[in-house]
Amino acid sequence: MAMDVDTITKLIEAGLPDAKVVVRDMAGDGEHFGAEVISESFRGKNRVQQHQMVYDTLKGTLGGELHALALQTSVPK
């Protein structure tokens, strides 16, 4: 079963409570999503570490229920 924008958003927000999260269904197919995640907890971390932090919030759903997720991460300005 595919995931939806609300479920992905809630999982990320639960794992990174300070984050501003915007998730979009990129292809309109419920399988290919893009997410912009802005979090102070990313400060001092490289891009790979930031993405890993987001993937960790998804509790192993990437590649299963969640087919594809393009990530854009940053710290607040």
Protein backbone atom coordinates (compact mmCIF):
# COMPACT_ATOMS: atom_id res chain seq x y z
CA MET A 1 0.00 0.00 0.00
CA ALA A 2 1.32 3.41 -0.99
CA MET A 3 1.81 6.26 1.47
CA ASP A 4 0.25 9.70 1.18
CA VAL A 5 1.54 13.24 1.70
CA ASP A 6 -0.06 13.59 5.15
CA THR A 7 1.42 10.34 6.47
CA ILE A 8 4.92 11.20 5.24
CA THR A 9 4.64 14.70 6.70
CA LYS A 10 3.48 13.40 10.08
CA LEU A 11 6.28 10.81 10.29
CA ILE A 12 8.95 13.42 9.55
CA GLU A 13 7.44 15.94 11.98
CA ALA A 14 7.22 13.29 14.70
CA GLY A 15 10.90 12.40 14.27
CA LEU A 16 12.10 15.99 13.85
CA PRO A 17 9.66 18.03 15.98
CA ASP A 18 11.31 21.39 15.20
CA ALA A 19 11.17 20.83 11.43
CA LYS A 20 9.24 22.77 8.84
CA VAL A 21 8.13 20.09 6.37
CA VAL A 22 6.61 20.40 2.90
CA VAL A 23 5.88 17.14 1.06
CA ARG A 24 4.62 16.97 -2.53
CA ASP A 25 3.41 14.11 -4.70
CA MET A 26 5.77 14.80 -7.61
CA ALA A 27 4.13 12.63 -10.27
CA GLY A 28 0.57 12.53 -8.96
CA ASP A 29 0.84 8.77 -8.68
CA GLY A 30 1.15 8.35 -4.91
CA GLU A 31 4.59 6.78 -5.34
CA HIS A 32 7.07 9.56 -6.15
CA PHE A 33 7.36 12.28 -3.54
CA GLY A 34 9.56 15.28 -2.89
CA ALA A 35 10.13 16.75 0.55
CA GLU A 36 11.67 19.99 1.74
CA VAL A 37 12.71 19.73 5.38
CA ILE A 38 14.14 22.68 7.32
CA SER A 39 15.39 21.91 10.81
CA GLU A 40 17.76 23.43 13.34
CA SER A 41 18.82 19.87 14.21
CA PHE A 42 20.59 19.73 10.81
CA ARG A 43 23.03 22.47 11.83
CA GLY A 44 26.63 21.23 11.69
CA LYS A 45 25.65 18.08 9.78
CA ASN A 46 26.58 17.39 6.17
CA ARG A 47 23.93 16.72 3.52
CA VAL A 48 24.24 12.92 3.82
CA GLN A 49 23.76 13.08 7.59
CA GLN A 50 20.75 15.38 7.18
CA HIS A 51 19.12 13.02 4.70
CA GLN A 52 19.81 10.03 6.95
CA MET A 53 18.06 11.83 9.80
CA VAL A 54 14.97 12.24 7.61
CA TYR A 55 15.10 8.63 6.38
CA ASP A 56 15.29 7.47 10.00
CA THR A 57 11.97 9.21 10.72
CA LEU A 58 10.30 7.15 7.99
CA LYS A 59 10.77 3.94 9.98
CA GLY A 60 11.98 1.74 7.13
CA THR A 61 9.15 2.54 4.72
CA LEU A 62 11.45 3.88 1.96
CA GLY A 63 11.62 1.33 -0.83
CA GLY A 64 8.50 -0.43 0.45
CA GLU A 65 5.35 1.57 1.15
CA LEU A 66 7.24 4.71 0.13
CA HIS A 67 8.64 4.08 -3.33
CA ALA A 68 10.71 7.25 -3.93
CA LEU A 69 11.49 10.42 -1.98
CA ALA A 70 13.59 13.29 -3.32
CA LEU A 71 14.91 15.28 -0.37
CA GLN A 72 15.94 18.88 0.01
CA THR A 73 17.21 19.66 3.50
CA SER A 74 18.52 22.83 5.13
CA VAL A 75 18.88 24.73 8.39
CA PRO A 76 16.70 27.78 9.15
CA LYS A 77 18.07 31.14 8.01
